[in-house]
N, C-alpha and C. Protein backbone atom coordinates (compact mmCIF):
# COMPACT_ATOMS: atom_id res chain seq x y z
N MET A 1 6.14 152.34 28.90
CA MET A 1 4.68 152.02 28.77
C MET A 1 4.35 150.48 28.30
N LYS A 2 3.45 149.78 29.27
CA LYS A 2 3.22 148.43 28.76
C LYS A 2 2.46 148.18 27.38
N PRO A 3 2.77 147.21 26.87
CA PRO A 3 2.05 146.90 25.65
C PRO A 3 0.56 146.47 25.92
N ARG A 4 -0.33 146.76 24.94
CA ARG A 4 -1.67 146.31 24.99
C ARG A 4 -1.77 144.98 24.52
N LEU A 5 -2.00 144.06 25.17
CA LEU A 5 -2.09 142.52 24.76
C LEU A 5 -3.48 141.96 24.70
N PRO A 6 -3.66 141.16 23.78
CA PRO A 6 -4.95 140.34 23.85
C PRO A 6 -5.08 139.35 25.05
N GLU A 7 -6.29 139.21 25.67
CA GLU A 7 -6.43 138.61 26.83
C GLU A 7 -5.86 136.98 26.72
N VAL A 8 -6.13 136.48 25.60
CA VAL A 8 -5.59 135.06 25.52
C VAL A 8 -4.07 135.03 25.76
N THR A 9 -3.44 136.12 25.29
CA THR A 9 -2.06 136.16 25.22
C THR A 9 -1.59 136.41 26.72
N LEU A 10 -2.37 137.25 27.48
CA LEU A 10 -2.17 137.38 28.95
C LEU A 10 -2.18 136.15 29.78
N TYR A 11 -3.16 135.30 29.40
CA TYR A 11 -3.43 134.05 30.05
C TYR A 11 -2.03 133.10 29.79
N ARG A 12 -1.67 133.22 28.67
CA ARG A 12 -0.49 132.28 28.33
C ARG A 12 0.76 132.80 29.21
N LEU A 13 0.79 134.06 29.01
CA LEU A 13 1.97 134.56 29.69
C LEU A 13 1.94 134.38 31.35
N ALA A 14 0.84 134.37 31.95
CA ALA A 14 0.67 134.10 33.27
C ALA A 14 1.02 132.63 33.62
N PHE A 15 0.72 131.75 32.50
CA PHE A 15 0.98 130.18 32.60
C PHE A 15 2.63 130.17 32.46
N TYR A 16 3.17 130.97 31.58
CA TYR A 16 4.65 130.79 31.47
C TYR A 16 5.25 131.27 32.74
N VAL A 17 4.77 132.29 33.50
CA VAL A 17 5.57 132.52 34.64
C VAL A 17 5.33 131.59 35.67
N ARG A 18 4.23 130.75 35.79
CA ARG A 18 4.23 129.67 36.64
C ARG A 18 5.30 128.70 36.54
N VAL A 19 5.46 128.31 35.15
CA VAL A 19 6.34 127.34 34.89
C VAL A 19 7.81 127.92 35.04
N LEU A 20 8.04 129.13 34.99
CA LEU A 20 9.25 129.50 35.18
C LEU A 20 9.72 129.60 36.73
N GLU A 21 8.66 130.00 37.37
CA GLU A 21 8.83 130.03 38.77
C GLU A 21 9.17 128.51 39.28
N ARG A 22 8.55 127.56 38.64
CA ARG A 22 9.03 126.24 39.01
C ARG A 22 10.49 125.89 38.73
N LEU A 23 10.77 126.39 37.59
CA LEU A 23 12.24 126.14 36.97
C LEU A 23 13.13 126.85 37.98
N SER A 24 12.87 127.95 38.26
CA SER A 24 13.76 128.74 39.20
C SER A 24 13.82 128.12 40.71
N ARG A 25 12.74 127.64 41.20
CA ARG A 25 12.77 126.77 42.36
C ARG A 25 13.84 125.74 42.21
N GLU A 26 13.74 125.01 41.08
CA GLU A 26 14.61 123.86 40.84
C GLU A 26 16.07 124.16 40.57
N GLY A 27 16.33 125.60 40.49
CA GLY A 27 17.68 126.11 40.24
C GLY A 27 18.19 126.16 38.96
N ARG A 28 17.30 126.05 37.91
CA ARG A 28 17.51 126.42 36.50
C ARG A 28 17.94 127.62 36.17
N GLU A 29 19.02 128.05 35.37
CA GLU A 29 19.46 129.15 35.12
C GLU A 29 19.09 129.68 33.55
N LEU A 30 18.84 128.56 32.61
CA LEU A 30 18.69 128.68 31.29
C LEU A 30 17.52 127.85 30.94
N VAL A 31 16.83 128.13 30.00
CA VAL A 31 15.70 127.18 29.50
C VAL A 31 15.56 127.48 27.89
N ARG A 32 15.67 126.54 27.08
CA ARG A 32 15.52 126.64 25.70
C ARG A 32 13.95 127.03 25.28
N SER A 33 13.84 127.62 24.16
CA SER A 33 12.29 127.84 23.70
C SER A 33 11.49 126.56 23.57
N GLU A 34 12.18 125.58 23.09
CA GLU A 34 11.42 124.36 22.68
C GLU A 34 10.96 123.75 24.11
N GLU A 35 11.84 123.63 25.04
CA GLU A 35 11.66 123.08 26.30
C GLU A 35 10.52 123.84 26.98
N LEU A 36 10.70 125.15 27.07
CA LEU A 36 9.67 126.09 27.88
C LEU A 36 8.38 125.81 27.22
N ALA A 37 8.20 125.59 25.94
CA ALA A 37 7.00 125.61 25.07
C ALA A 37 6.61 124.26 25.57
N ARG A 38 7.28 123.27 25.56
CA ARG A 38 6.81 121.82 25.74
C ARG A 38 6.29 121.85 27.20
N LEU A 39 6.80 122.49 28.24
CA LEU A 39 6.43 122.32 29.63
C LEU A 39 5.16 123.28 29.62
N CYS A 40 4.76 124.40 28.75
CA CYS A 40 3.73 125.27 28.75
C CYS A 40 2.54 124.59 27.93
N GLY A 41 2.71 123.56 27.15
CA GLY A 41 1.74 123.16 26.50
C GLY A 41 1.37 123.88 25.17
N VAL A 42 2.47 124.62 24.63
CA VAL A 42 2.20 125.35 23.43
C VAL A 42 3.15 125.08 22.51
N SER A 43 3.04 125.51 21.40
CA SER A 43 4.01 125.26 20.17
C SER A 43 5.31 126.18 20.37
N PRO A 44 6.53 125.92 20.00
CA PRO A 44 7.60 126.94 20.11
C PRO A 44 7.40 128.27 19.40
N ALA A 45 6.59 127.93 18.09
CA ALA A 45 6.15 129.31 17.50
C ALA A 45 5.18 130.11 18.26
N GLN A 46 4.42 129.66 18.86
CA GLN A 46 3.29 130.49 19.75
C GLN A 46 4.13 131.05 20.74
N LEU A 47 5.00 130.30 21.37
CA LEU A 47 5.76 131.02 22.61
C LEU A 47 6.57 131.90 22.11
N ARG A 48 7.21 131.88 20.95
CA ARG A 48 8.16 133.08 20.37
C ARG A 48 7.30 134.16 20.04
N LYS A 49 6.18 134.08 19.59
CA LYS A 49 5.17 134.93 19.14
C LYS A 49 4.70 135.91 20.26
N ASP A 50 4.30 135.05 21.22
CA ASP A 50 3.91 135.72 22.47
C ASP A 50 4.85 136.70 23.18
N LEU A 51 6.12 136.13 23.15
CA LEU A 51 7.16 137.04 23.90
C LEU A 51 7.81 138.02 22.92
N SER A 52 7.37 137.98 21.54
CA SER A 52 7.83 138.84 20.58
C SER A 52 7.17 140.32 20.91
N TYR A 53 5.96 139.98 21.52
CA TYR A 53 5.09 141.29 21.90
C TYR A 53 5.83 142.19 22.82
N LEU A 54 6.76 141.64 23.60
CA LEU A 54 7.54 142.31 24.79
C LEU A 54 8.83 142.59 24.47
N GLY A 55 9.45 142.22 23.24
CA GLY A 55 10.83 142.47 22.85
C GLY A 55 11.57 141.26 23.01
N GLY A 56 12.81 141.41 22.56
CA GLY A 56 13.66 140.04 22.46
C GLY A 56 14.40 139.67 23.69
N PHE A 57 13.81 138.51 24.46
CA PHE A 57 14.17 138.10 25.61
C PHE A 57 15.48 137.05 25.46
N GLY A 58 15.28 136.15 24.55
CA GLY A 58 16.25 135.14 24.44
C GLY A 58 17.44 135.56 23.61
N VAL A 59 18.41 134.51 23.70
CA VAL A 59 19.58 134.51 22.88
C VAL A 59 19.56 133.16 21.99
N ARG A 60 19.69 133.45 20.72
CA ARG A 60 19.79 132.42 19.70
C ARG A 60 20.69 131.48 20.06
N GLY A 61 20.38 130.16 19.92
CA GLY A 61 21.31 128.94 20.33
C GLY A 61 21.54 128.87 21.72
N VAL A 62 21.02 129.70 22.75
CA VAL A 62 21.31 129.67 24.09
C VAL A 62 20.01 129.25 24.86
N GLY A 63 18.99 130.28 24.51
CA GLY A 63 17.64 130.31 25.20
C GLY A 63 17.46 131.46 26.11
N TYR A 64 16.47 131.17 27.09
CA TYR A 64 16.07 132.29 27.94
C TYR A 64 16.87 132.25 29.37
N GLN A 65 17.20 133.29 29.93
CA GLN A 65 17.61 133.25 31.40
C GLN A 65 16.35 133.26 32.22
N VAL A 66 16.32 132.21 32.98
CA VAL A 66 14.91 132.09 33.83
C VAL A 66 14.50 133.00 34.52
N LYS A 67 15.38 133.55 35.40
CA LYS A 67 15.05 134.46 36.37
C LYS A 67 14.52 135.84 35.51
N SER A 68 15.52 136.15 34.65
CA SER A 68 15.29 137.49 34.02
C SER A 68 13.95 137.47 33.37
N LEU A 69 13.68 136.43 32.50
CA LEU A 69 12.39 136.37 31.82
C LEU A 69 11.32 136.30 32.77
N GLU A 70 11.18 135.56 33.87
CA GLU A 70 10.34 135.58 35.01
C GLU A 70 10.10 137.02 35.41
N ARG A 71 11.05 137.70 35.68
CA ARG A 71 11.15 139.01 36.38
C ARG A 71 10.41 139.95 35.35
N GLN A 72 10.72 139.85 33.88
CA GLN A 72 10.24 140.85 32.93
C GLN A 72 8.67 140.50 32.82
N LEU A 73 8.27 139.11 32.77
CA LEU A 73 6.91 138.85 32.57
C LEU A 73 6.13 139.21 33.70
N LYS A 74 6.64 139.25 34.98
CA LYS A 74 5.76 139.64 36.23
C LYS A 74 5.73 141.09 36.14
N ARG A 75 6.69 141.87 35.70
CA ARG A 75 6.49 143.24 35.44
C ARG A 75 5.43 143.66 34.65
N ILE A 76 5.29 142.85 33.23
CA ILE A 76 4.29 143.20 32.39
C ILE A 76 3.03 142.93 33.02
N LEU A 77 2.76 141.81 33.84
CA LEU A 77 1.66 141.25 34.35
C LEU A 77 1.13 142.13 35.64
N GLY A 78 2.14 143.04 36.20
CA GLY A 78 1.77 143.69 37.44
C GLY A 78 2.02 142.82 38.55
N ARG A 79 2.86 141.97 38.35
CA ARG A 79 3.10 141.17 39.65
C ARG A 79 4.37 141.35 40.34
N ASP A 80 4.99 142.61 40.06
CA ASP A 80 6.33 143.00 40.52
C ASP A 80 6.00 143.86 41.78
N ARG A 81 4.89 143.88 42.37
CA ARG A 81 4.27 144.66 43.58
C ARG A 81 3.28 143.89 44.29
N LEU A 82 2.99 144.39 45.44
CA LEU A 82 2.01 143.82 46.44
C LEU A 82 0.55 144.43 46.18
N TRP A 83 -0.45 143.63 45.89
CA TRP A 83 -1.87 144.13 45.64
C TRP A 83 -2.73 143.63 46.89
N HIS A 84 -3.42 144.61 47.35
CA HIS A 84 -4.49 144.29 48.54
C HIS A 84 -5.75 143.99 47.98
N LEU A 85 -6.18 142.86 48.57
CA LEU A 85 -7.63 142.44 48.19
C LEU A 85 -8.61 142.32 49.27
N ALA A 86 -9.80 142.42 49.16
CA ALA A 86 -11.00 142.11 49.99
C ALA A 86 -11.93 141.22 49.60
N LEU A 87 -12.25 140.15 50.44
CA LEU A 87 -13.38 139.29 50.04
C LEU A 87 -14.55 139.77 50.40
N ALA A 88 -15.70 139.87 49.46
CA ALA A 88 -16.87 140.21 49.84
C ALA A 88 -17.85 139.04 49.91
N GLY A 89 -18.39 138.56 50.99
CA GLY A 89 -19.20 137.47 51.21
C GLY A 89 -18.34 136.20 51.68
N ILE A 90 -18.90 135.40 52.66
CA ILE A 90 -18.11 134.41 53.19
C ILE A 90 -18.81 133.12 52.74
N ASN A 91 -18.20 132.07 52.12
CA ASN A 91 -18.89 130.70 51.84
C ASN A 91 -17.65 129.99 51.57
N ASP A 92 -17.76 128.85 51.25
CA ASP A 92 -16.82 127.70 51.15
C ASP A 92 -15.64 128.24 50.25
N LEU A 93 -15.94 128.75 49.05
CA LEU A 93 -15.00 129.22 48.15
C LEU A 93 -14.26 130.31 48.62
N GLY A 94 -14.96 131.22 49.32
CA GLY A 94 -14.23 132.51 49.90
C GLY A 94 -13.04 131.93 50.90
N LEU A 95 -13.56 130.95 51.75
CA LEU A 95 -12.85 130.48 52.94
C LEU A 95 -11.51 129.93 52.17
N ALA A 96 -11.75 129.00 51.24
CA ALA A 96 -10.63 128.51 50.62
C ALA A 96 -9.55 129.53 50.15
N LEU A 97 -10.26 130.44 49.46
CA LEU A 97 -9.15 131.53 48.92
C LEU A 97 -8.41 132.31 50.08
N LEU A 98 -9.00 132.44 50.97
CA LEU A 98 -8.40 133.04 52.40
C LEU A 98 -7.29 132.19 52.77
N SER A 99 -7.39 130.81 52.56
CA SER A 99 -6.42 129.84 53.11
C SER A 99 -5.35 129.37 51.99
N ASP A 100 -5.50 129.96 50.79
CA ASP A 100 -4.52 129.47 49.72
C ASP A 100 -3.10 130.47 49.68
N ARG A 101 -2.36 129.80 50.08
CA ARG A 101 -0.98 130.27 50.19
C ARG A 101 -0.38 130.69 48.96
N ARG A 102 -0.77 130.35 47.78
CA ARG A 102 -0.33 130.65 46.43
C ARG A 102 -0.58 132.15 46.10
N LEU A 103 -1.68 132.61 46.73
CA LEU A 103 -2.01 133.91 46.32
C LEU A 103 -0.91 134.98 47.03
N SER A 104 -0.58 134.65 48.07
CA SER A 104 0.52 135.62 48.81
C SER A 104 1.88 135.52 48.04
N ARG A 105 2.09 134.27 47.49
CA ARG A 105 3.46 134.34 46.66
C ARG A 105 3.22 135.01 45.24
N MET A 106 2.03 135.30 44.89
CA MET A 106 1.84 135.98 43.68
C MET A 106 1.73 137.41 43.97
N GLY A 107 1.91 138.00 45.20
CA GLY A 107 1.87 139.28 45.57
C GLY A 107 0.41 139.91 45.86
N LEU A 108 -0.36 138.81 46.18
CA LEU A 108 -1.91 139.16 46.32
C LEU A 108 -2.28 138.74 47.80
N ARG A 109 -2.71 139.80 48.49
CA ARG A 109 -2.83 139.51 49.85
C ARG A 109 -4.18 140.18 50.31
N PHE A 110 -5.07 139.02 50.95
CA PHE A 110 -6.34 139.59 51.63
C PHE A 110 -6.01 140.31 52.84
N VAL A 111 -6.61 141.66 52.78
CA VAL A 111 -6.37 142.36 54.03
C VAL A 111 -7.74 142.66 54.83
N ALA A 112 -8.80 142.10 54.11
CA ALA A 112 -10.10 142.32 54.83
C ALA A 112 -11.03 141.32 54.20
N ALA A 113 -12.10 141.08 54.86
CA ALA A 113 -13.28 140.26 54.44
C ALA A 113 -14.57 140.98 54.80
N PHE A 114 -15.65 140.77 54.31
CA PHE A 114 -17.03 141.34 54.50
C PHE A 114 -18.03 140.57 54.45
N ASP A 115 -19.06 140.67 55.42
CA ASP A 115 -20.33 139.64 55.30
C ASP A 115 -21.34 140.55 56.00
N TRP A 116 -22.65 140.19 55.60
CA TRP A 116 -23.85 140.72 56.23
C TRP A 116 -24.37 139.92 57.32
N ARG A 117 -23.80 138.76 57.64
CA ARG A 117 -24.27 137.93 58.67
C ARG A 117 -23.77 137.97 60.15
N GLU A 118 -24.61 138.07 61.06
CA GLU A 118 -23.90 138.35 62.44
C GLU A 118 -23.00 137.34 62.84
N GLU A 119 -23.32 135.91 62.39
CA GLU A 119 -22.32 134.95 62.72
C GLU A 119 -21.08 134.86 62.14
N TRP A 120 -20.93 135.80 61.14
CA TRP A 120 -19.49 135.75 60.74
C TRP A 120 -18.74 137.26 61.03
N ILE A 121 -19.31 138.24 61.22
CA ILE A 121 -18.85 139.57 61.55
C ILE A 121 -18.20 139.38 62.95
N GLY A 122 -16.81 139.95 62.72
CA GLY A 122 -16.06 139.72 63.92
C GLY A 122 -15.27 138.65 64.06
N ARG A 123 -15.29 137.72 63.28
CA ARG A 123 -14.38 136.49 63.31
C ARG A 123 -13.01 136.85 62.37
N ILE A 124 -12.10 135.93 62.90
CA ILE A 124 -10.82 136.01 62.15
C ILE A 124 -10.63 134.75 61.39
N VAL A 125 -10.46 135.06 60.10
CA VAL A 125 -10.13 133.82 59.14
C VAL A 125 -8.79 133.85 58.55
N GLN A 126 -7.86 132.92 58.92
CA GLN A 126 -6.60 133.17 58.28
C GLN A 126 -5.95 134.37 58.53
N GLU A 127 -6.13 134.96 59.69
CA GLU A 127 -5.50 136.12 60.04
C GLU A 127 -6.11 137.45 59.35
N VAL A 128 -7.32 137.14 58.77
CA VAL A 128 -8.22 138.24 57.92
C VAL A 128 -9.44 138.36 58.67
N TYR A 129 -9.67 139.71 59.18
CA TYR A 129 -10.90 140.04 59.93
C TYR A 129 -11.93 140.16 58.95
N VAL A 130 -13.18 139.75 59.43
CA VAL A 130 -14.43 139.75 58.79
C VAL A 130 -15.12 140.99 59.45
N TYR A 131 -15.30 141.92 58.62
CA TYR A 131 -16.05 143.14 58.86
C TYR A 131 -17.34 143.06 58.47
N SER A 132 -18.49 144.03 59.13
CA SER A 132 -19.67 144.11 58.50
C SER A 132 -19.67 144.85 57.12
N VAL A 133 -20.46 144.72 56.19
CA VAL A 133 -20.49 145.38 54.98
C VAL A 133 -20.64 146.91 55.20
N ASP A 134 -21.26 147.24 56.22
CA ASP A 134 -21.66 148.69 56.56
C ASP A 134 -20.21 149.26 56.85
N GLN A 135 -19.27 148.66 57.08
CA GLN A 135 -17.81 149.30 57.36
C GLN A 135 -17.02 149.38 56.14
N MET A 136 -17.63 148.76 55.08
CA MET A 136 -16.77 148.62 53.95
C MET A 136 -16.07 149.84 53.29
N SER A 137 -16.72 150.87 53.22
CA SER A 137 -16.21 152.26 52.77
C SER A 137 -15.11 152.58 53.36
N TYR A 138 -15.23 152.61 54.75
CA TYR A 138 -14.08 153.13 55.61
C TYR A 138 -12.89 151.97 55.53
N ILE A 139 -13.08 150.80 55.69
CA ILE A 139 -12.21 149.75 55.78
C ILE A 139 -11.34 149.69 54.35
N VAL A 140 -12.08 149.65 53.26
CA VAL A 140 -11.47 149.75 51.90
C VAL A 140 -10.40 150.98 51.81
N ARG A 141 -10.80 152.12 52.35
CA ARG A 141 -9.95 153.13 52.19
C ARG A 141 -8.55 152.95 52.98
N GLU A 142 -8.98 152.53 54.38
CA GLU A 142 -7.91 152.62 55.41
C GLU A 142 -6.66 151.46 55.03
N SER A 143 -7.26 150.42 54.30
CA SER A 143 -6.56 149.29 53.94
C SER A 143 -6.07 149.39 52.71
N GLU A 144 -6.28 150.25 51.99
CA GLU A 144 -5.86 150.50 50.32
C GLU A 144 -6.18 149.45 49.71
N VAL A 145 -7.29 148.88 49.70
CA VAL A 145 -7.94 147.74 48.92
C VAL A 145 -7.98 148.26 47.50
N GLU A 146 -7.35 147.32 46.49
CA GLU A 146 -7.53 147.95 45.19
C GLU A 146 -8.42 146.65 44.38
N ILE A 147 -8.45 145.65 44.86
CA ILE A 147 -9.17 144.42 44.06
C ILE A 147 -10.24 143.81 45.14
N GLY A 148 -11.58 143.78 44.61
CA GLY A 148 -12.50 142.99 45.48
C GLY A 148 -12.77 141.71 44.80
N VAL A 149 -13.07 140.66 45.58
CA VAL A 149 -13.29 139.52 45.19
C VAL A 149 -14.63 138.89 45.55
N LEU A 150 -15.47 138.55 44.76
CA LEU A 150 -16.95 137.96 44.98
C LEU A 150 -16.90 136.54 44.77
N THR A 151 -17.50 135.83 45.76
CA THR A 151 -17.60 134.52 45.41
C THR A 151 -19.14 133.98 45.89
N VAL A 152 -19.93 135.01 46.19
CA VAL A 152 -21.27 134.41 46.58
C VAL A 152 -22.41 134.78 45.41
N GLU A 153 -23.53 134.17 45.64
CA GLU A 153 -24.65 134.16 44.54
C GLU A 153 -25.30 135.26 44.56
N GLU A 154 -26.21 135.65 43.60
CA GLU A 154 -27.22 136.65 43.66
C GLU A 154 -28.30 136.49 44.62
N PRO A 155 -28.94 137.32 45.25
CA PRO A 155 -28.82 138.65 45.17
C PRO A 155 -27.75 139.51 45.85
N PRO A 156 -27.15 138.91 46.93
CA PRO A 156 -26.01 139.56 47.47
C PRO A 156 -24.74 140.10 46.57
N ALA A 157 -24.51 139.15 45.63
CA ALA A 157 -23.35 139.55 44.72
C ALA A 157 -23.27 140.90 44.20
N ARG A 158 -24.63 141.31 43.46
CA ARG A 158 -24.65 142.72 42.81
C ARG A 158 -24.42 143.73 43.73
N GLU A 159 -25.15 143.44 44.98
CA GLU A 159 -25.05 144.68 46.03
C GLU A 159 -23.59 144.76 46.60
N MET A 160 -22.84 143.66 46.72
CA MET A 160 -21.51 143.56 47.26
C MET A 160 -20.62 144.25 46.12
N ALA A 161 -20.78 144.01 44.83
CA ALA A 161 -20.22 144.67 43.75
C ALA A 161 -20.26 146.30 43.77
N ARG A 162 -21.58 146.64 43.98
CA ARG A 162 -22.02 148.07 44.19
C ARG A 162 -21.22 148.67 45.12
N ARG A 163 -21.16 148.04 46.43
CA ARG A 163 -20.68 148.71 47.63
C ARG A 163 -19.15 148.68 47.47
N LEU A 164 -18.51 147.58 46.89
CA LEU A 164 -17.14 147.66 46.71
C LEU A 164 -16.74 148.88 45.78
N SER A 165 -17.48 149.01 44.72
CA SER A 165 -17.23 150.05 43.72
C SER A 165 -17.40 151.34 44.43
N GLU A 166 -18.36 151.76 45.13
CA GLU A 166 -18.52 152.92 45.80
C GLU A 166 -17.50 153.28 46.94
N ALA A 167 -16.89 152.05 47.43
CA ALA A 167 -15.91 152.22 48.55
C ALA A 167 -14.66 152.56 47.93
N GLY A 168 -14.32 152.41 46.57
CA GLY A 168 -13.19 152.88 46.01
C GLY A 168 -12.32 151.71 45.34
N VAL A 169 -12.77 150.53 45.18
CA VAL A 169 -11.74 149.45 44.54
C VAL A 169 -11.84 149.80 43.28
N ARG A 170 -10.76 149.45 42.45
CA ARG A 170 -10.32 149.61 41.15
C ARG A 170 -10.88 148.55 40.32
N ALA A 171 -10.85 147.32 40.72
CA ALA A 171 -11.16 146.08 39.94
C ALA A 171 -11.92 145.15 41.05
N ILE A 172 -12.85 144.15 40.23
CA ILE A 172 -13.52 143.29 40.94
C ILE A 172 -13.57 141.79 40.20
N LEU A 173 -13.18 140.80 40.74
CA LEU A 173 -13.23 139.77 40.42
C LEU A 173 -14.32 138.70 40.84
N ASN A 174 -15.28 138.61 39.88
CA ASN A 174 -16.48 137.94 40.37
C ASN A 174 -16.33 136.38 40.00
N LEU A 175 -16.11 135.54 41.10
CA LEU A 175 -16.02 134.01 40.94
C LEU A 175 -17.46 133.47 41.21
N GLY A 176 -18.36 134.08 41.40
CA GLY A 176 -19.79 133.56 41.61
C GLY A 176 -20.50 133.04 40.46
N PRO A 177 -21.57 132.17 40.45
CA PRO A 177 -22.04 131.47 39.33
C PRO A 177 -22.80 132.33 38.36
N GLU A 178 -23.33 133.41 38.82
CA GLU A 178 -23.90 134.53 37.64
C GLU A 178 -22.90 135.62 37.19
N PRO A 179 -22.90 135.82 36.01
CA PRO A 179 -22.13 136.89 35.58
C PRO A 179 -22.65 138.26 36.04
N LEU A 180 -21.91 139.14 36.29
CA LEU A 180 -22.28 140.50 36.71
C LEU A 180 -21.61 141.39 35.68
N GLU A 181 -22.30 142.54 35.64
CA GLU A 181 -21.75 143.79 34.83
C GLU A 181 -21.05 144.71 35.83
N ALA A 182 -19.96 145.36 35.18
CA ALA A 182 -19.20 146.51 36.07
C ALA A 182 -20.40 147.43 36.66
N PRO A 183 -20.58 147.73 37.96
CA PRO A 183 -21.38 148.56 38.91
C PRO A 183 -21.37 149.92 38.36
N GLU A 184 -20.20 150.29 37.74
CA GLU A 184 -20.07 151.70 37.21
C GLU A 184 -18.83 151.92 36.32
N GLU A 185 -19.02 153.12 35.70
CA GLU A 185 -17.88 153.11 34.53
C GLU A 185 -16.52 153.34 35.02
N GLY A 186 -15.50 152.81 34.66
CA GLY A 186 -14.12 152.92 35.22
C GLY A 186 -13.72 151.82 36.16
N ILE A 187 -14.72 150.75 36.56
CA ILE A 187 -14.41 149.72 37.49
C ILE A 187 -14.13 148.69 36.47
N ILE A 188 -13.12 147.76 36.62
CA ILE A 188 -12.69 146.83 35.82
C ILE A 188 -13.44 145.43 36.60
N LEU A 189 -14.15 144.78 35.74
CA LEU A 189 -14.89 143.61 36.30
C LEU A 189 -14.47 142.34 35.59
N ARG A 190 -14.24 141.44 35.92
CA ARG A 190 -13.85 140.07 35.47
C ARG A 190 -14.85 138.95 35.96
N ASN A 191 -15.55 138.32 35.10
CA ASN A 191 -16.27 136.99 35.62
C ASN A 191 -15.41 135.71 35.31
N ALA A 192 -15.34 135.05 36.45
CA ALA A 192 -14.56 133.92 36.21
C ALA A 192 -15.30 132.56 36.80
N ASP A 193 -16.30 132.02 36.17
CA ASP A 193 -16.93 130.67 36.67
C ASP A 193 -15.99 129.77 36.85
N LEU A 194 -15.64 129.04 38.03
CA LEU A 194 -14.77 128.03 38.04
C LEU A 194 -15.08 126.57 37.64
N THR A 195 -16.51 126.54 37.18
CA THR A 195 -17.07 125.43 36.82
C THR A 195 -16.88 125.36 35.18
N LEU A 196 -16.76 126.27 34.46
CA LEU A 196 -16.65 126.29 33.19
C LEU A 196 -15.68 125.39 32.56
N PRO A 197 -14.51 125.22 33.08
CA PRO A 197 -13.43 124.31 32.63
C PRO A 197 -14.06 122.79 32.51
N PHE A 198 -15.08 122.40 33.46
CA PHE A 198 -15.79 121.10 33.31
C PHE A 198 -16.39 120.99 32.07
N ASP A 199 -16.99 121.97 31.44
CA ASP A 199 -17.75 121.94 30.38
C ASP A 199 -16.79 121.61 29.26
N LEU A 200 -15.51 122.08 29.34
CA LEU A 200 -14.47 121.74 28.26
C LEU A 200 -14.02 120.19 28.31
N LEU A 201 -13.93 119.89 29.60
CA LEU A 201 -13.59 118.54 29.78
C LEU A 201 -14.68 117.50 29.31
N THR A 202 -15.89 117.69 29.71
CA THR A 202 -17.00 116.82 29.23
C THR A 202 -17.12 116.92 27.79
N TYR A 203 -16.93 118.12 27.18
CA TYR A 203 -16.96 118.25 25.74
C TYR A 203 -15.95 117.34 24.91
N ALA A 204 -14.67 117.35 25.61
CA ALA A 204 -13.59 116.65 25.03
C ALA A 204 -13.78 115.07 25.09
N LEU A 205 -14.17 114.72 26.35
CA LEU A 205 -14.52 113.28 26.53
C LEU A 205 -15.65 112.73 25.90
N SER A 206 -16.89 113.56 25.25
CA SER A 206 -17.92 113.10 24.59
C SER A 206 -17.67 113.23 23.15
């Protein structure tokens, strides 16, 4: 059974995985906690505390086995399997996501896209077919879509979320500018406005 972790800890674990993936590509077999903490931008104490939630991975005086730690963190994060995604609503951000090869390396694969505009329906974008929203219920079931991704603004965003929920997706990531609520109980919905980090940067600069 996986431990229930605070979201801020999960974000750090996800960042640890990205650093470990880079070290693995570089052929590293071991990494000490001090070096891994420095590469991840956290203190060694914070790193050890985060990993302590998951049990003892490191060896005192030796460090962590890169591939083993990477593998165990991916298992905790659910990245040890393939997840099917559907994009709901075509715009510049959505097109960029369909083209982003990093997602496939993370085990995230777009298997369908949906739109309500005739000029998009029937097109193929990065090997992903764009269906009419009226086909969503059937395609989501047939393609075993588990995660829906929204990039559009209101009012279509709320309607797309409702349709995804009714079609059977288990989770929705809303990347649009307006936060949404889960369309029904039992659906996991996360709002992630990509412009928010700019507020942190402008605050730091001012």
